[in-house]
């Protein structure tokens, strides 16, 4: 899904792996409650992408701005 925001499928796979890693770490906590898993996964993935862009000094793609209604 987020392959359009990165350069390669490998980057998309890394983001996916990091997303699920962060979700699993959160779910291990006793008080972890997620009401909408889909929205939670998308938020984590987009935050990881934004962090990578900040590291690379890249601007968000037009597609992500449209998706977020910015």
PDB file of N, CA and C in Angstrom:
ATOM      1  N   UNK A   1       0.812  -1.195   0.000  1.00  0.00           N
ATOM      2  CA  UNK A   1       0.000   0.000   0.000  1.00  0.00           C
ATOM      3  C   UNK A   1       0.858   1.264   0.000  1.00  0.00           C
ATOM      4  N   UNK A   2       1.934   1.268   0.755  1.00  0.00           N
ATOM      5  CA  UNK A   2       2.756   2.466   0.880  1.00  0.00           C
ATOM      6  C   UNK A   2       3.947   2.470  -0.052  1.00  0.00           C
ATOM      7  N   UNK A   3       3.957   1.575  -1.008  1.00  0.00           N
ATOM      8  CA  UNK A   3       5.041   1.507  -1.982  1.00  0.00           C
ATOM      9  C   UNK A   3       5.109   2.805  -2.791  1.00  0.00           C
ATOM     10  N   UNK A   4       3.997   3.514  -2.925  1.00  0.00           N
ATOM     11  CA  UNK A   4       3.973   4.757  -3.691  1.00  0.00           C
ATOM     12  C   UNK A   4       4.712   5.885  -2.980  1.00  0.00           C
ATOM     13  N   UNK A   5       4.923   5.753  -1.679  1.00  0.00           N
ATOM     14  CA  UNK A   5       5.566   6.806  -0.904  1.00  0.00           C
ATOM     15  C   UNK A   5       7.064   6.601  -0.750  1.00  0.00           C
ATOM     16  N   UNK A   6       7.565   5.449  -1.152  1.00  0.00           N
ATOM     17  CA  UNK A   6       8.988   5.146  -1.038  1.00  0.00           C
ATOM     18  C   UNK A   6       9.529   4.791  -2.421  1.00  0.00           C
ATOM     19  N   UNK A   7      10.833   4.589  -2.505  1.00  0.00           N
ATOM     20  CA  UNK A   7      11.445   4.358  -3.814  1.00  0.00           C
ATOM     21  C   UNK A   7      11.385   2.910  -4.274  1.00  0.00           C
ATOM     22  N   UNK A   8      11.445   1.967  -3.359  1.00  0.00           N
ATOM     23  CA  UNK A   8      11.548   0.567  -3.757  1.00  0.00           C
ATOM     24  C   UNK A   8      10.633  -0.322  -2.920  1.00  0.00           C
ATOM     25  N   UNK A   9      10.410  -1.529  -3.429  1.00  0.00           N
ATOM     26  CA  UNK A   9       9.637  -2.509  -2.675  1.00  0.00           C
ATOM     27  C   UNK A   9      10.369  -2.914  -1.398  1.00  0.00           C
ATOM     28  N   UNK A  10      11.684  -2.897  -1.442  1.00  0.00           N
ATOM     29  CA  UNK A  10      12.460  -3.251  -0.255  1.00  0.00           C
ATOM     30  C   UNK A  10      12.208  -2.260   0.870  1.00  0.00           C
ATOM     31  N   UNK A  11      12.148  -0.978   0.530  1.00  0.00           N
ATOM     32  CA  UNK A  11      11.837   0.039   1.540  1.00  0.00           C
ATOM     33  C   UNK A  11      10.432  -0.169   2.096  1.00  0.00           C
ATOM     34  N   UNK A  12       9.499  -0.489   1.230  1.00  0.00           N
ATOM     35  CA  UNK A  12       8.123  -0.742   1.672  1.00  0.00           C
ATOM     36  C   UNK A  12       8.073  -1.948   2.608  1.00  0.00           C
ATOM     37  N   UNK A  13       8.849  -2.979   2.299  1.00  0.00           N
ATOM     38  CA  UNK A  13       8.895  -4.155   3.161  1.00  0.00           C
ATOM     39  C   UNK A  13       9.501  -3.814   4.521  1.00  0.00           C
ATOM     40  N   UNK A  14      10.537  -2.985   4.527  1.00  0.00           N
ATOM     41  CA  UNK A  14      11.153  -2.572   5.785  1.00  0.00           C
ATOM     42  C   UNK A  14      10.162  -1.782   6.643  1.00  0.00           C
ATOM     43  N   UNK A  15       9.416  -0.902   6.019  1.00  0.00           N
ATOM     44  CA  UNK A  15       8.412  -0.112   6.735  1.00  0.00           C
ATOM     45  C   UNK A  15       7.339  -1.032   7.302  1.00  0.00           C
ATOM     46  N   UNK A  16       6.905  -2.004   6.507  1.00  0.00           N
ATOM     47  CA  UNK A  16       5.901  -2.953   6.969  1.00  0.00           C
ATOM     48  C   UNK A  16       6.415  -3.735   8.168  1.00  0.00           C
ATOM     49  N   UNK A  17       7.643  -4.196   8.081  1.00  0.00           N
ATOM     50  CA  UNK A  17       8.236  -4.957   9.180  1.00  0.00           C
ATOM     51  C   UNK A  17       8.348  -4.106  10.444  1.00  0.00           C
ATOM     52  N   UNK A  18       8.809  -2.879  10.293  1.00  0.00           N
ATOM     53  CA  UNK A  18       8.945  -2.000  11.448  1.00  0.00           C
ATOM     54  C   UNK A  18       7.579  -1.665  12.046  1.00  0.00           C
ATOM     55  N   UNK A  19       6.579  -1.487  11.189  1.00  0.00           N
ATOM     56  CA  UNK A  19       5.220  -1.207  11.658  1.00  0.00           C
ATOM     57  C   UNK A  19       4.715  -2.338  12.528  1.00  0.00           C
ATOM     58  N   UNK A  20       4.796  -3.559  12.027  1.00  0.00           N
ATOM     59  CA  UNK A  20       4.295  -4.698  12.795  1.00  0.00           C
ATOM     60  C   UNK A  20       5.118  -4.920  14.064  1.00  0.00           C
ATOM     61  N   UNK A  21       6.382  -4.623  14.009  1.00  0.00           N
ATOM     62  CA  UNK A  21       7.223  -4.736  15.201  1.00  0.00           C
ATOM     63  C   UNK A  21       6.752  -3.767  16.285  1.00  0.00           C
ATOM     64  N   UNK A  22       6.467  -2.534  15.894  1.00  0.00           N
ATOM     65  CA  UNK A  22       5.992  -1.540  16.856  1.00  0.00           C
ATOM     66  C   UNK A  22       4.617  -1.904  17.400  1.00  0.00           C
ATOM     67  N   UNK A  23       3.754  -2.431  16.546  1.00  0.00           N
ATOM     68  CA  UNK A  23       2.415  -2.833  16.990  1.00  0.00           C
ATOM     69  C   UNK A  23       2.521  -3.984  17.982  1.00  0.00           C
ATOM     70  N   UNK A  24       3.352  -4.960  17.687  1.00  0.00           N
ATOM     71  CA  UNK A  24       3.498  -6.107  18.590  1.00  0.00           C
ATOM     72  C   UNK A  24       4.077  -5.669  19.934  1.00  0.00           C
ATOM     73  N   UNK A  25       5.021  -4.747  19.914  1.00  0.00           N
ATOM     74  CA  UNK A  25       5.591  -4.239  21.167  1.00  0.00           C
ATOM     75  C   UNK A  25       4.510  -3.530  21.984  1.00  0.00           C
ATOM     76  N   UNK A  26       3.653  -2.778  21.306  1.00  0.00           N
ATOM     77  CA  UNK A  26       2.570  -2.084  22.008  1.00  0.00           C
ATOM     78  C   UNK A  26       1.565  -3.078  22.583  1.00  0.00           C
ATOM     79  N   UNK A  27       1.235  -4.103  21.816  1.00  0.00           N
ATOM     80  CA  UNK A  27       0.234  -5.076  22.265  1.00  0.00           C
ATOM     81  C   UNK A  27       0.713  -5.917  23.443  1.00  0.00           C
ATOM     82  N   UNK A  28       2.015  -5.985  23.663  1.00  0.00           N
ATOM     83  CA  UNK A  28       2.544  -6.740  24.798  1.00  0.00           C
ATOM     84  C   UNK A  28       2.279  -6.039  26.125  1.00  0.00           C
ATOM     85  N   UNK A  29       1.949  -4.763  26.068  1.00  0.00           N
ATOM     86  CA  UNK A  29       1.658  -4.016  27.284  1.00  0.00           C
ATOM     87  C   UNK A  29       0.291  -4.434  27.818  1.00  0.00           C
ATOM     88  N   UNK A  30       0.144  -4.465  29.110  1.00  0.00           N
ATOM     89  CA  UNK A  30      -1.104  -4.904  29.735  1.00  0.00           C
ATOM     90  C   UNK A  30      -2.290  -4.040  29.359  1.00  0.00           C
ATOM     91  N   UNK A  31      -2.084  -2.757  29.278  1.00  0.00           N
ATOM     92  CA  UNK A  31      -3.180  -1.820  29.063  1.00  0.00           C
ATOM     93  C   UNK A  31      -3.448  -1.529  27.587  1.00  0.00           C
ATOM     94  N   UNK A  32      -2.829  -2.245  26.695  1.00  0.00           N
ATOM     95  CA  UNK A  32      -2.945  -1.970  25.263  1.00  0.00           C
ATOM     96  C   UNK A  32      -4.372  -2.216  24.768  1.00  0.00           C
ATOM     97  N   UNK A  33      -4.964  -1.177  24.219  1.00  0.00           N
ATOM     98  CA  UNK A  33      -6.305  -1.274  23.643  1.00  0.00           C
ATOM     99  C   UNK A  33      -6.280  -0.555  22.305  1.00  0.00           C
ATOM    100  N   UNK A  34      -6.623  -1.268  21.262  1.00  0.00           N
ATOM    101  CA  UNK A  34      -6.713  -0.676  19.930  1.00  0.00           C
ATOM    102  C   UNK A  34      -8.119  -0.940  19.423  1.00  0.00           C
ATOM    103  N   UNK A  35      -8.855   0.117  19.182  1.00  0.00           N
ATOM    104  CA  UNK A  35     -10.240  -0.040  18.730  1.00  0.00           C
ATOM    105  C   UNK A  35     -10.335  -0.227  17.220  1.00  0.00           C
ATOM    106  N   UNK A  36      -9.451   0.395  16.485  1.00  0.00           N
ATOM    107  CA  UNK A  36      -9.491   0.309  15.026  1.00  0.00           C
ATOM    108  C   UNK A  36      -8.092  -0.075  14.534  1.00  0.00           C
ATOM    109  N   UNK A  37      -7.871  -1.367  14.347  1.00  0.00           N
ATOM    110  CA  UNK A  37      -6.540  -1.856  13.978  1.00  0.00           C
ATOM    111  C   UNK A  37      -6.062  -1.280  12.650  1.00  0.00           C
ATOM    112  N   UNK A  38      -6.949  -1.181  11.696  1.00  0.00           N
ATOM    113  CA  UNK A  38      -6.563  -0.671  10.382  1.00  0.00           C
ATOM    114  C   UNK A  38      -6.037   0.758  10.484  1.00  0.00           C
ATOM    115  N   UNK A  39      -6.757   1.602  11.169  1.00  0.00           N
ATOM    116  CA  UNK A  39      -6.333   2.993  11.330  1.00  0.00           C
ATOM    117  C   UNK A  39      -5.036   3.073  12.122  1.00  0.00           C
ATOM    118  N   UNK A  40      -4.897   2.234  13.133  1.00  0.00           N
ATOM    119  CA  UNK A  40      -3.686   2.227  13.948  1.00  0.00           C
ATOM    120  C   UNK A  40      -2.478   1.827  13.106  1.00  0.00           C
ATOM    121  N   UNK A  41      -2.621   0.772  12.293  1.00  0.00           N
ATOM    122  CA  UNK A  41      -1.520   0.332  11.436  1.00  0.00           C
ATOM    123  C   UNK A  41      -1.134   1.415  10.433  1.00  0.00           C
ATOM    124  N   UNK A  42      -2.128   2.058   9.830  1.00  0.00           N
ATOM    125  CA  UNK A  42      -1.852   3.115   8.855  1.00  0.00           C
ATOM    126  C   UNK A  42      -1.133   4.289   9.502  1.00  0.00           C
ATOM    127  N   UNK A  43      -1.548   4.649  10.710  1.00  0.00           N
ATOM    128  CA  UNK A  43      -0.918   5.761  11.414  1.00  0.00           C
ATOM    129  C   UNK A  43       0.537   5.458  11.725  1.00  0.00           C
ATOM    130  N   UNK A  44       0.802   4.261  12.225  1.00  0.00           N
ATOM    131  CA  UNK A  44       2.180   3.873  12.541  1.00  0.00           C
ATOM    132  C   UNK A  44       3.029   3.898  11.271  1.00  0.00           C
ATOM    133  N   UNK A  45       2.520   3.300  10.186  1.00  0.00           N
ATOM    134  CA  UNK A  45       3.276   3.249   8.930  1.00  0.00           C
ATOM    135  C   UNK A  45       3.557   4.654   8.390  1.00  0.00           C
ATOM    136  N   UNK A  46       2.557   5.523   8.400  1.00  0.00           N
ATOM    137  CA  UNK A  46       2.763   6.888   7.908  1.00  0.00           C
ATOM    138  C   UNK A  46       3.763   7.644   8.774  1.00  0.00           C
ATOM    139  N   UNK A  47       3.736   7.418  10.068  1.00  0.00           N
ATOM    140  CA  UNK A  47       4.719   8.072  10.944  1.00  0.00           C
ATOM    141  C   UNK A  47       6.133   7.595  10.646  1.00  0.00           C
ATOM    142  N   UNK A  48       6.289   6.314  10.359  1.00  0.00           N
ATOM    143  CA  UNK A  48       7.609   5.785  10.003  1.00  0.00           C
ATOM    144  C   UNK A  48       8.085   6.405   8.692  1.00  0.00           C
ATOM    145  N   UNK A  49       7.189   6.513   7.719  1.00  0.00           N
ATOM    146  CA  UNK A  49       7.538   7.136   6.434  1.00  0.00           C
ATOM    147  C   UNK A  49       7.940   8.588   6.638  1.00  0.00           C
ATOM    148  N   UNK A  50       7.170   9.320   7.438  1.00  0.00           N
ATOM    149  CA  UNK A  50       7.503  10.720   7.707  1.00  0.00           C
ATOM    150  C   UNK A  50       8.869  10.846   8.371  1.00  0.00           C
ATOM    151  N   UNK A  51       9.155   9.964   9.318  1.00  0.00           N
ATOM    152  CA  UNK A  51      10.464   9.982   9.980  1.00  0.00           C
ATOM    153  C   UNK A  51      11.592   9.777   8.974  1.00  0.00           C
ATOM    154  N   UNK A  52      11.383   8.846   8.046  1.00  0.00           N
ATOM    155  CA  UNK A  52      12.397   8.608   7.011  1.00  0.00           C
ATOM    156  C   UNK A  52      12.571   9.830   6.122  1.00  0.00           C
ATOM    157  N   UNK A  53      11.464  10.477   5.772  1.00  0.00           N
ATOM    158  CA  UNK A  53      11.551  11.682   4.951  1.00  0.00           C
ATOM    159  C   UNK A  53      12.315  12.781   5.674  1.00  0.00           C
ATOM    160  N   UNK A  54      12.059  12.913   6.971  1.00  0.00           N
ATOM    161  CA  UNK A  54      12.778  13.932   7.743  1.00  0.00           C
ATOM    162  C   UNK A  54      14.280  13.657   7.736  1.00  0.00           C
ATOM    163  N   UNK A  55      14.638  12.393   7.860  1.00  0.00           N
ATOM    164  CA  UNK A  55      16.052  12.018   7.836  1.00  0.00           C
ATOM    165  C   UNK A  55      16.688  12.363   6.490  1.00  0.00           C
ATOM    166  N   UNK A  56      15.911  12.232   5.426  1.00  0.00           N
ATOM    167  CA  UNK A  56      16.423  12.460   4.069  1.00  0.00           C
ATOM    168  C   UNK A  56      16.125  13.871   3.565  1.00  0.00           C
ATOM    169  N   UNK A  57      15.459  14.675   4.373  1.00  0.00           N
ATOM    170  CA  UNK A  57      15.037  16.030   3.976  1.00  0.00           C
ATOM    171  C   UNK A  57      14.172  16.012   2.726  1.00  0.00           C
ATOM    172  N   UNK A  58      13.287  15.012   2.632  1.00  0.00           N
ATOM    173  CA  UNK A  58      12.379  14.906   1.493  1.00  0.00           C
ATOM    174  C   UNK A  58      11.043  15.546   1.833  1.00  0.00           C
ATOM    175  N   UNK A  59      10.373  16.037   0.827  1.00  0.00           N
ATOM    176  CA  UNK A  59       9.026  16.566   0.983  1.00  0.00           C
ATOM    177  C   UNK A  59       8.023  15.444   0.787  1.00  0.00           C
ATOM    178  N   UNK A  60       6.900  15.475   1.505  1.00  0.00           N
ATOM    179  CA  UNK A  60       5.865  14.464   1.297  1.00  0.00           C
ATOM    180  C   UNK A  60       5.348  14.487  -0.138  1.00  0.00           C
ATOM    181  N   UNK A  61       5.049  13.331  -0.641  1.00  0.00           N
ATOM    182  CA  UNK A  61       4.496  13.225  -1.985  1.00  0.00           C
ATOM    183  C   UNK A  61       3.102  13.840  -2.029  1.00  0.00           C
ATOM    184  N   UNK A  62       2.696  14.265  -3.203  1.00  0.00           N
ATOM    185  CA  UNK A  62       1.364  14.848  -3.368  1.00  0.00           C
ATOM    186  C   UNK A  62       0.284  13.853  -2.964  1.00  0.00           C
ATOM    187  N   UNK A  63       0.524  12.574  -3.223  1.00  0.00           N
ATOM    188  CA  UNK A  63      -0.465  11.549  -2.899  1.00  0.00           C
ATOM    189  C   UNK A  63      -0.746  11.489  -1.406  1.00  0.00           C
ATOM    190  N   UNK A  64       0.272  11.603  -0.583  1.00  0.00           N
ATOM    191  CA  UNK A  64       0.055  11.533   0.862  1.00  0.00           C
ATOM    192  C   UNK A  64      -0.668  12.786   1.349  1.00  0.00           C
ATOM    193  N   UNK A  65      -0.365  13.924   0.762  1.00  0.00           N
ATOM    194  CA  UNK A  65      -1.081  15.149   1.137  1.00  0.00           C
ATOM    195  C   UNK A  65      -2.562  15.009   0.800  1.00  0.00           C
ATOM    196  N   UNK A  66      -2.860  14.451  -0.364  1.00  0.00           N
ATOM    197  CA  UNK A  66      -4.250  14.242  -0.741  1.00  0.00           C
ATOM    198  C   UNK A  66      -4.935  13.242   0.175  1.00  0.00           C
ATOM    199  N   UNK A  67      -4.206  12.180   0.532  1.00  0.00           N
ATOM    200  CA  UNK A  67      -4.776  11.149   1.387  1.00  0.00           C
ATOM    201  C   UNK A  67      -5.109  11.711   2.760  1.00  0.00           C
ATOM    202  N   UNK A  68      -4.288  12.622   3.252  1.00  0.00           N
ATOM    203  CA  UNK A  68      -4.492  13.214   4.566  1.00  0.00           C
ATOM    204  C   UNK A  68      -5.326  14.488   4.508  1.00  0.00           C
ATOM    205  N   UNK A  69      -5.732  14.867   3.316  1.00  0.00           N
ATOM    206  CA  UNK A  69      -6.555  16.052   3.077  1.00  0.00           C
ATOM    207  C   UNK A  69      -5.863  17.323   3.568  1.00  0.00           C
ATOM    208  N   UNK A  70      -4.590  17.456   3.241  1.00  0.00           N
ATOM    209  CA  UNK A  70      -3.838  18.648   3.636  1.00  0.00           C
ATOM    210  C   UNK A  70      -3.889  19.695   2.550  1.00  0.00           C
TER     211      UNK A  70
END
